[in-house]
């Protein structure tokens, strides 16, 4: 039977957690900086550029949250669940968001209230953050 926990020391967990928080903070602080323009031609379609920026941000946020959850819970089952949520976010929710956003509003940074909340749920690590109290609630229910 495979181990249910990672074999990380407390120091390793703290370092991984701090690194994940630093990356999440950097993504938040530099969210208006267009790093992709340094790598990609300015001649690309603006919608493609908008979608690529959101994809990169989702990937960085979700991987950082996976690291944070790994450091926090030290549990393979939590990471498997978080990874499944990340795949749903990446392959279902993000394309839906991009489709609605680009079709209805274009690539502007300002969104309608509905799309703004959808953006927060998908592009920011909100889904992964919601997993933390869910895991605690599940553990609390198991103890009872």
N, C-alpha and C. Protein backbone atom coordinates (compact mmCIF):
# COMPACT_ATOMS: atom_id res chain seq x y z
N UNK A 1 0.85 -1.18 0.00
CA UNK A 1 0.00 0.00 0.00
C UNK A 1 0.89 1.24 0.00
N UNK A 2 0.66 2.21 -0.91
CA UNK A 2 1.52 3.39 -0.97
C UNK A 2 1.32 4.27 0.27
N UNK A 3 2.38 4.99 0.63
CA UNK A 3 2.26 5.86 1.82
C UNK A 3 1.24 6.97 1.57
N UNK A 4 0.55 7.36 2.65
CA UNK A 4 -0.47 8.40 2.52
C UNK A 4 0.11 9.79 2.70
N UNK A 5 1.29 9.87 3.29
CA UNK A 5 1.93 11.17 3.52
C UNK A 5 3.24 11.25 2.76
N UNK A 6 3.65 12.48 2.49
CA UNK A 6 4.98 12.71 1.93
C UNK A 6 5.97 12.59 3.07
N UNK A 7 7.17 12.21 2.77
CA UNK A 7 8.18 12.12 3.83
C UNK A 7 8.99 13.41 3.87
N UNK A 8 8.32 14.49 4.24
CA UNK A 8 8.96 15.80 4.33
C UNK A 8 9.19 16.16 5.79
N UNK A 9 10.34 16.69 6.06
CA UNK A 9 10.61 17.16 7.42
C UNK A 9 9.87 18.48 7.64
N UNK A 10 9.78 18.88 8.87
CA UNK A 10 9.12 20.15 9.19
C UNK A 10 9.83 21.31 8.51
N UNK A 11 11.14 21.27 8.49
CA UNK A 11 11.91 22.34 7.83
C UNK A 11 11.59 22.39 6.34
N UNK A 12 11.56 21.23 5.71
CA UNK A 12 11.23 21.18 4.28
C UNK A 12 9.83 21.72 4.02
N UNK A 13 8.89 21.35 4.87
CA UNK A 13 7.52 21.83 4.70
C UNK A 13 7.44 23.34 4.86
N UNK A 14 8.16 23.88 5.81
CA UNK A 14 8.17 25.34 6.01
C UNK A 14 8.79 26.03 4.81
N UNK A 15 9.91 25.51 4.31
CA UNK A 15 10.57 26.12 3.14
C UNK A 15 9.68 26.06 1.90
N UNK A 16 9.06 24.91 1.67
CA UNK A 16 8.17 24.77 0.51
C UNK A 16 6.98 25.72 0.65
N UNK A 17 6.40 25.78 1.84
CA UNK A 17 5.27 26.67 2.08
C UNK A 17 5.63 28.13 1.88
N UNK A 18 6.78 28.53 2.39
CA UNK A 18 7.23 29.92 2.23
C UNK A 18 7.50 30.24 0.76
N UNK A 19 8.11 29.31 0.04
CA UNK A 19 8.36 29.51 -1.39
C UNK A 19 7.04 29.68 -2.14
N UNK A 20 6.07 28.82 -1.84
CA UNK A 20 4.77 28.90 -2.50
C UNK A 20 4.10 30.23 -2.22
N UNK A 21 4.15 30.69 -0.97
CA UNK A 21 3.56 31.98 -0.62
C UNK A 21 4.27 33.14 -1.32
N UNK A 22 5.58 33.05 -1.43
CA UNK A 22 6.33 34.09 -2.15
C UNK A 22 5.93 34.15 -3.62
N UNK A 23 5.79 33.00 -4.25
CA UNK A 23 5.39 32.97 -5.66
C UNK A 23 3.97 33.52 -5.82
N UNK A 24 3.05 33.10 -4.95
CA UNK A 24 1.68 33.61 -5.01
C UNK A 24 1.66 35.13 -4.82
N UNK A 25 2.46 35.61 -3.87
CA UNK A 25 2.54 37.06 -3.64
C UNK A 25 3.12 37.79 -4.84
N UNK A 26 4.14 37.21 -5.45
CA UNK A 26 4.75 37.85 -6.63
C UNK A 26 3.77 37.89 -7.80
N UNK A 27 3.02 36.81 -8.00
CA UNK A 27 2.03 36.79 -9.08
C UNK A 27 0.98 37.87 -8.83
N UNK A 28 0.56 38.03 -7.57
CA UNK A 28 -0.42 39.06 -7.25
C UNK A 28 0.16 40.46 -7.46
N UNK A 29 1.36 40.69 -6.97
CA UNK A 29 1.97 42.03 -7.07
C UNK A 29 2.26 42.43 -8.51
N UNK A 30 2.65 41.46 -9.34
CA UNK A 30 3.04 41.77 -10.71
C UNK A 30 2.00 41.34 -11.73
N UNK A 31 0.73 41.25 -11.32
CA UNK A 31 -0.31 40.79 -12.23
C UNK A 31 -0.55 41.73 -13.40
N UNK A 32 -0.19 42.99 -13.27
CA UNK A 32 -0.38 43.95 -14.36
C UNK A 32 0.81 44.00 -15.32
N UNK A 33 1.92 43.36 -14.94
CA UNK A 33 3.11 43.36 -15.78
C UNK A 33 2.95 42.29 -16.86
N UNK A 34 3.18 42.68 -18.09
CA UNK A 34 3.01 41.78 -19.23
C UNK A 34 4.35 41.13 -19.58
N UNK A 35 4.72 40.11 -18.81
CA UNK A 35 5.98 39.41 -19.05
C UNK A 35 5.97 38.66 -20.37
N UNK A 36 4.78 38.25 -20.78
CA UNK A 36 4.65 37.47 -22.01
C UNK A 36 5.06 38.28 -23.24
N UNK A 37 4.91 39.59 -23.18
CA UNK A 37 5.27 40.42 -24.34
C UNK A 37 6.77 40.39 -24.60
N UNK A 38 7.54 40.03 -23.59
CA UNK A 38 8.99 39.92 -23.79
C UNK A 38 9.34 38.68 -24.60
N UNK A 39 8.45 37.68 -24.57
CA UNK A 39 8.74 36.41 -25.22
C UNK A 39 8.00 36.21 -26.53
N UNK A 40 6.86 36.88 -26.67
CA UNK A 40 5.98 36.64 -27.82
C UNK A 40 5.89 37.91 -28.65
N UNK A 41 5.74 37.73 -29.92
CA UNK A 41 5.64 38.85 -30.86
C UNK A 41 4.43 39.72 -30.54
N UNK A 42 4.57 41.00 -30.72
CA UNK A 42 3.47 41.95 -30.52
C UNK A 42 2.44 41.82 -31.63
N UNK A 43 2.75 41.10 -32.68
CA UNK A 43 1.85 40.97 -33.82
C UNK A 43 0.78 39.90 -33.59
N UNK A 44 0.86 39.17 -32.50
CA UNK A 44 -0.15 38.15 -32.21
C UNK A 44 -1.51 38.83 -31.99
N UNK A 45 -2.54 38.07 -32.21
CA UNK A 45 -3.90 38.58 -31.99
C UNK A 45 -4.04 38.92 -30.50
N UNK A 46 -4.64 40.06 -30.17
CA UNK A 46 -4.78 40.46 -28.76
C UNK A 46 -5.53 39.42 -27.91
N UNK A 47 -6.51 38.74 -28.49
CA UNK A 47 -7.22 37.72 -27.73
C UNK A 47 -6.33 36.53 -27.39
N UNK A 48 -5.44 36.16 -28.31
CA UNK A 48 -4.50 35.07 -28.05
C UNK A 48 -3.56 35.46 -26.92
N UNK A 49 -3.10 36.68 -26.96
CA UNK A 49 -2.20 37.17 -25.92
C UNK A 49 -2.91 37.19 -24.56
N UNK A 50 -4.15 37.68 -24.54
CA UNK A 50 -4.95 37.71 -23.32
C UNK A 50 -5.12 36.30 -22.76
N UNK A 51 -5.48 35.34 -23.62
CA UNK A 51 -5.68 33.96 -23.19
C UNK A 51 -4.38 33.34 -22.68
N UNK A 52 -3.29 33.60 -23.35
CA UNK A 52 -1.99 33.06 -22.92
C UNK A 52 -1.59 33.62 -21.56
N UNK A 53 -1.83 34.90 -21.35
CA UNK A 53 -1.50 35.51 -20.04
C UNK A 53 -2.32 34.86 -18.94
N UNK A 54 -3.60 34.62 -19.18
CA UNK A 54 -4.45 33.99 -18.17
C UNK A 54 -4.02 32.55 -17.93
N UNK A 55 -3.65 31.85 -18.98
CA UNK A 55 -3.20 30.47 -18.84
C UNK A 55 -1.94 30.39 -17.98
N UNK A 56 -0.98 31.25 -18.26
CA UNK A 56 0.26 31.26 -17.48
C UNK A 56 -0.03 31.57 -16.02
N UNK A 57 -0.89 32.53 -15.80
CA UNK A 57 -1.22 32.91 -14.42
C UNK A 57 -1.92 31.77 -13.68
N UNK A 58 -2.85 31.10 -14.35
CA UNK A 58 -3.54 29.96 -13.74
C UNK A 58 -2.54 28.87 -13.39
N UNK A 59 -1.65 28.56 -14.31
CA UNK A 59 -0.67 27.50 -14.05
C UNK A 59 0.25 27.84 -12.89
N UNK A 60 0.75 29.05 -12.85
CA UNK A 60 1.64 29.45 -11.75
C UNK A 60 0.90 29.43 -10.42
N UNK A 61 -0.31 30.00 -10.40
CA UNK A 61 -1.10 30.01 -9.16
C UNK A 61 -1.42 28.60 -8.69
N UNK A 62 -1.86 27.74 -9.60
CA UNK A 62 -2.26 26.39 -9.18
C UNK A 62 -1.08 25.54 -8.74
N UNK A 63 0.03 25.64 -9.43
CA UNK A 63 1.22 24.88 -9.00
C UNK A 63 1.70 25.39 -7.64
N UNK A 64 1.67 26.69 -7.45
CA UNK A 64 2.06 27.25 -6.15
C UNK A 64 1.13 26.77 -5.04
N UNK A 65 -0.17 26.72 -5.35
CA UNK A 65 -1.12 26.22 -4.36
C UNK A 65 -0.92 24.73 -4.09
N UNK A 66 -0.56 23.95 -5.10
CA UNK A 66 -0.25 22.54 -4.86
C UNK A 66 0.92 22.41 -3.90
N UNK A 67 1.94 23.24 -4.10
CA UNK A 67 3.09 23.22 -3.19
C UNK A 67 2.68 23.63 -1.78
N UNK A 68 1.86 24.67 -1.68
CA UNK A 68 1.41 25.14 -0.37
C UNK A 68 0.58 24.06 0.33
N UNK A 69 -0.32 23.42 -0.40
CA UNK A 69 -1.13 22.35 0.19
C UNK A 69 -0.27 21.16 0.59
N UNK A 70 0.74 20.85 -0.21
CA UNK A 70 1.65 19.77 0.13
C UNK A 70 2.39 20.08 1.44
N UNK A 71 2.84 21.32 1.56
CA UNK A 71 3.54 21.72 2.77
C UNK A 71 2.59 21.76 3.97
N UNK A 72 1.39 22.21 3.76
CA UNK A 72 0.43 22.39 4.84
C UNK A 72 -0.09 21.06 5.38
N UNK A 73 -0.55 20.19 4.47
CA UNK A 73 -1.21 18.96 4.89
C UNK A 73 -0.32 17.73 4.83
N UNK A 74 0.75 17.76 4.03
CA UNK A 74 1.67 16.63 3.92
C UNK A 74 0.92 15.33 3.60
N UNK A 75 -0.07 15.43 2.71
CA UNK A 75 -0.94 14.29 2.43
C UNK A 75 -1.08 14.08 0.92
N UNK A 76 -0.81 12.87 0.48
CA UNK A 76 -0.96 12.54 -0.94
C UNK A 76 -2.42 12.63 -1.39
N UNK A 77 -3.34 12.23 -0.54
CA UNK A 77 -4.76 12.25 -0.94
C UNK A 77 -5.24 13.70 -1.16
N UNK A 78 -4.77 14.63 -0.35
CA UNK A 78 -5.14 16.04 -0.53
C UNK A 78 -4.57 16.57 -1.84
N UNK A 79 -3.33 16.19 -2.14
CA UNK A 79 -2.70 16.66 -3.38
C UNK A 79 -3.39 16.04 -4.59
N UNK A 80 -3.80 14.79 -4.50
CA UNK A 80 -4.53 14.17 -5.62
C UNK A 80 -5.84 14.91 -5.86
N UNK A 81 -6.55 15.23 -4.81
CA UNK A 81 -7.80 15.98 -4.94
C UNK A 81 -7.53 17.38 -5.51
N UNK A 82 -6.51 18.05 -5.00
CA UNK A 82 -6.16 19.39 -5.49
C UNK A 82 -5.75 19.35 -6.95
N UNK A 83 -5.03 18.31 -7.34
CA UNK A 83 -4.62 18.17 -8.74
C UNK A 83 -5.84 17.95 -9.64
N UNK A 84 -6.80 17.16 -9.17
CA UNK A 84 -8.03 16.94 -9.94
C UNK A 84 -8.78 18.27 -10.11
N UNK A 85 -8.84 19.06 -9.05
CA UNK A 85 -9.48 20.38 -9.14
C UNK A 85 -8.72 21.26 -10.12
N UNK A 86 -7.40 21.19 -10.07
CA UNK A 86 -6.59 21.98 -11.00
C UNK A 86 -6.87 21.59 -12.44
N UNK A 87 -7.02 20.31 -12.72
CA UNK A 87 -7.32 19.87 -14.09
C UNK A 87 -8.69 20.36 -14.55
N UNK A 88 -9.68 20.32 -13.65
CA UNK A 88 -11.00 20.84 -13.98
C UNK A 88 -10.92 22.34 -14.26
N UNK A 89 -10.16 23.04 -13.43
CA UNK A 89 -9.96 24.48 -13.60
C UNK A 89 -9.32 24.78 -14.96
N UNK A 90 -8.29 24.01 -15.27
CA UNK A 90 -7.50 24.27 -16.48
C UNK A 90 -8.23 23.88 -17.76
N UNK A 91 -8.88 22.72 -17.77
CA UNK A 91 -9.44 22.20 -19.01
C UNK A 91 -10.94 22.45 -19.21
N UNK A 92 -11.64 22.85 -18.15
CA UNK A 92 -13.07 23.13 -18.30
C UNK A 92 -13.39 24.58 -17.97
N UNK A 93 -13.06 25.01 -16.76
CA UNK A 93 -13.46 26.36 -16.33
C UNK A 93 -12.72 27.47 -17.05
N UNK A 94 -11.41 27.34 -17.23
CA UNK A 94 -10.65 28.40 -17.92
C UNK A 94 -11.12 28.58 -19.37
N UNK A 95 -11.29 27.51 -20.16
CA UNK A 95 -11.80 27.72 -21.51
C UNK A 95 -13.21 28.35 -21.53
N UNK A 96 -14.07 27.94 -20.59
CA UNK A 96 -15.39 28.56 -20.51
C UNK A 96 -15.28 30.06 -20.22
N UNK A 97 -14.44 30.39 -19.24
CA UNK A 97 -14.24 31.80 -18.90
C UNK A 97 -13.70 32.58 -20.10
N UNK A 98 -12.67 32.05 -20.75
CA UNK A 98 -12.09 32.75 -21.89
C UNK A 98 -13.09 32.90 -23.02
N UNK A 99 -13.89 31.86 -23.26
CA UNK A 99 -14.90 31.95 -24.30
C UNK A 99 -15.92 33.04 -24.02
N UNK A 100 -16.47 33.04 -22.80
CA UNK A 100 -17.45 34.06 -22.44
C UNK A 100 -16.83 35.45 -22.44
N UNK A 101 -15.65 35.56 -21.86
CA UNK A 101 -14.99 36.86 -21.73
C UNK A 101 -14.65 37.44 -23.11
N UNK A 102 -13.99 36.67 -23.93
CA UNK A 102 -13.55 37.19 -25.22
C UNK A 102 -14.72 37.41 -26.18
N UNK A 103 -15.76 36.58 -26.08
CA UNK A 103 -16.92 36.76 -26.96
C UNK A 103 -17.75 37.97 -26.54
N UNK A 104 -17.98 38.12 -25.23
CA UNK A 104 -18.90 39.17 -24.79
C UNK A 104 -18.22 40.51 -24.53
N UNK A 105 -16.98 40.51 -24.09
CA UNK A 105 -16.34 41.76 -23.68
C UNK A 105 -15.02 42.03 -24.38
N UNK A 106 -14.49 41.07 -25.06
CA UNK A 106 -13.17 41.26 -25.66
C UNK A 106 -12.09 41.10 -24.62
N UNK A 107 -10.91 41.59 -24.93
CA UNK A 107 -9.75 41.37 -24.05
C UNK A 107 -9.50 42.52 -23.10
N UNK A 108 -10.51 43.29 -22.77
CA UNK A 108 -10.33 44.40 -21.82
C UNK A 108 -10.10 43.85 -20.42
N UNK A 109 -9.44 44.62 -19.59
CA UNK A 109 -9.18 44.21 -18.22
C UNK A 109 -10.41 44.38 -17.33
N UNK A 110 -11.33 45.22 -17.74
CA UNK A 110 -12.55 45.46 -16.97
C UNK A 110 -13.59 44.42 -17.38
N UNK A 111 -14.25 43.82 -16.38
CA UNK A 111 -15.25 42.80 -16.66
C UNK A 111 -16.57 43.16 -16.01
N UNK A 112 -17.62 42.56 -16.52
CA UNK A 112 -18.93 42.70 -15.88
C UNK A 112 -18.85 42.03 -14.51
N UNK A 113 -19.78 42.35 -13.61
CA UNK A 113 -19.73 41.74 -12.27
C UNK A 113 -19.74 40.22 -12.29
N UNK A 114 -20.52 39.61 -13.17
CA UNK A 114 -20.57 38.15 -13.24
C UNK A 114 -19.23 37.58 -13.69
N UNK A 115 -18.68 38.11 -14.76
CA UNK A 115 -17.40 37.60 -15.25
C UNK A 115 -16.26 37.93 -14.30
N UNK A 116 -16.38 39.03 -13.58
CA UNK A 116 -15.35 39.39 -12.60
C UNK A 116 -15.26 38.33 -11.51
N UNK A 117 -16.42 37.86 -11.03
CA UNK A 117 -16.42 36.81 -10.00
C UNK A 117 -15.92 35.49 -10.57
N UNK A 118 -16.29 35.19 -11.81
CA UNK A 118 -15.82 33.98 -12.49
C UNK A 118 -14.29 34.04 -12.65
N UNK A 119 -13.77 35.22 -12.99
CA UNK A 119 -12.33 35.44 -13.12
C UNK A 119 -11.64 35.15 -11.79
N UNK A 120 -12.19 35.68 -10.71
CA UNK A 120 -11.59 35.46 -9.39
C UNK A 120 -11.56 33.99 -9.03
N UNK A 121 -12.61 33.29 -9.37
CA UNK A 121 -12.69 31.88 -9.05
C UNK A 121 -11.67 31.05 -9.83
N UNK A 122 -11.44 31.42 -11.08
CA UNK A 122 -10.61 30.59 -11.96
C UNK A 122 -9.16 31.05 -12.00
N UNK A 123 -8.93 32.31 -12.31
CA UNK A 123 -7.56 32.78 -12.54
C UNK A 123 -6.81 32.92 -11.21
N UNK A 124 -7.48 33.43 -10.19
CA UNK A 124 -6.86 33.47 -8.87
C UNK A 124 -6.98 32.08 -8.26
N UNK A 125 -6.18 31.76 -7.26
CA UNK A 125 -6.22 30.39 -6.72
C UNK A 125 -7.38 30.14 -5.75
N UNK A 126 -8.53 30.75 -6.02
CA UNK A 126 -9.67 30.66 -5.12
C UNK A 126 -10.16 29.23 -4.92
N UNK A 127 -10.27 28.46 -6.01
CA UNK A 127 -10.73 27.08 -5.88
C UNK A 127 -9.82 26.28 -4.96
N UNK A 128 -8.54 26.49 -5.10
CA UNK A 128 -7.58 25.75 -4.28
C UNK A 128 -7.62 26.24 -2.82
N UNK A 129 -7.83 27.52 -2.62
CA UNK A 129 -7.93 28.05 -1.26
C UNK A 129 -9.17 27.49 -0.57
N UNK A 130 -10.26 27.33 -1.31
CA UNK A 130 -11.48 26.75 -0.75
C UNK A 130 -11.29 25.30 -0.33
N UNK A 131 -10.28 24.66 -0.87
CA UNK A 131 -10.00 23.27 -0.52
C UNK A 131 -9.50 23.16 0.94
N UNK A 132 -8.84 24.17 1.44
CA UNK A 132 -8.27 24.11 2.79
C UNK A 132 -9.36 23.91 3.85
N UNK A 133 -10.38 24.77 3.92
CA UNK A 133 -11.42 24.50 4.93
C UNK A 133 -12.18 23.21 4.66
N UNK A 134 -12.31 22.82 3.40
CA UNK A 134 -13.00 21.56 3.07
C UNK A 134 -12.24 20.37 3.66
N UNK A 135 -10.93 20.39 3.57
CA UNK A 135 -10.12 19.29 4.13
C UNK A 135 -10.25 19.27 5.65
N UNK A 136 -10.19 20.44 6.27
CA UNK A 136 -10.37 20.50 7.73
C UNK A 136 -11.75 20.00 8.13
N UNK A 137 -12.78 20.38 7.39
CA UNK A 137 -14.13 19.94 7.70
C UNK A 137 -14.24 18.42 7.55
N UNK A 138 -13.64 17.86 6.50
CA UNK A 138 -13.67 16.42 6.30
C UNK A 138 -12.97 15.71 7.46
N UNK A 139 -11.83 16.22 7.88
CA UNK A 139 -11.10 15.59 9.00
C UNK A 139 -11.88 15.70 10.29
N UNK A 140 -12.56 16.82 10.48
CA UNK A 140 -13.38 17.01 11.69
C UNK A 140 -14.53 16.01 11.69
N UNK A 141 -15.15 15.78 10.53
CA UNK A 141 -16.27 14.84 10.44
C UNK A 141 -15.80 13.41 10.65
N UNK A 142 -14.57 13.09 10.22
CA UNK A 142 -14.03 11.74 10.42
C UNK A 142 -13.78 11.47 11.90
N UNK A 143 -13.37 12.50 12.63
CA UNK A 143 -13.08 12.34 14.05
C UNK A 143 -14.34 12.09 14.86
N UNK A 144 -15.49 12.59 14.38
CA UNK A 144 -16.75 12.42 15.13
C UNK A 144 -17.37 11.11 14.91
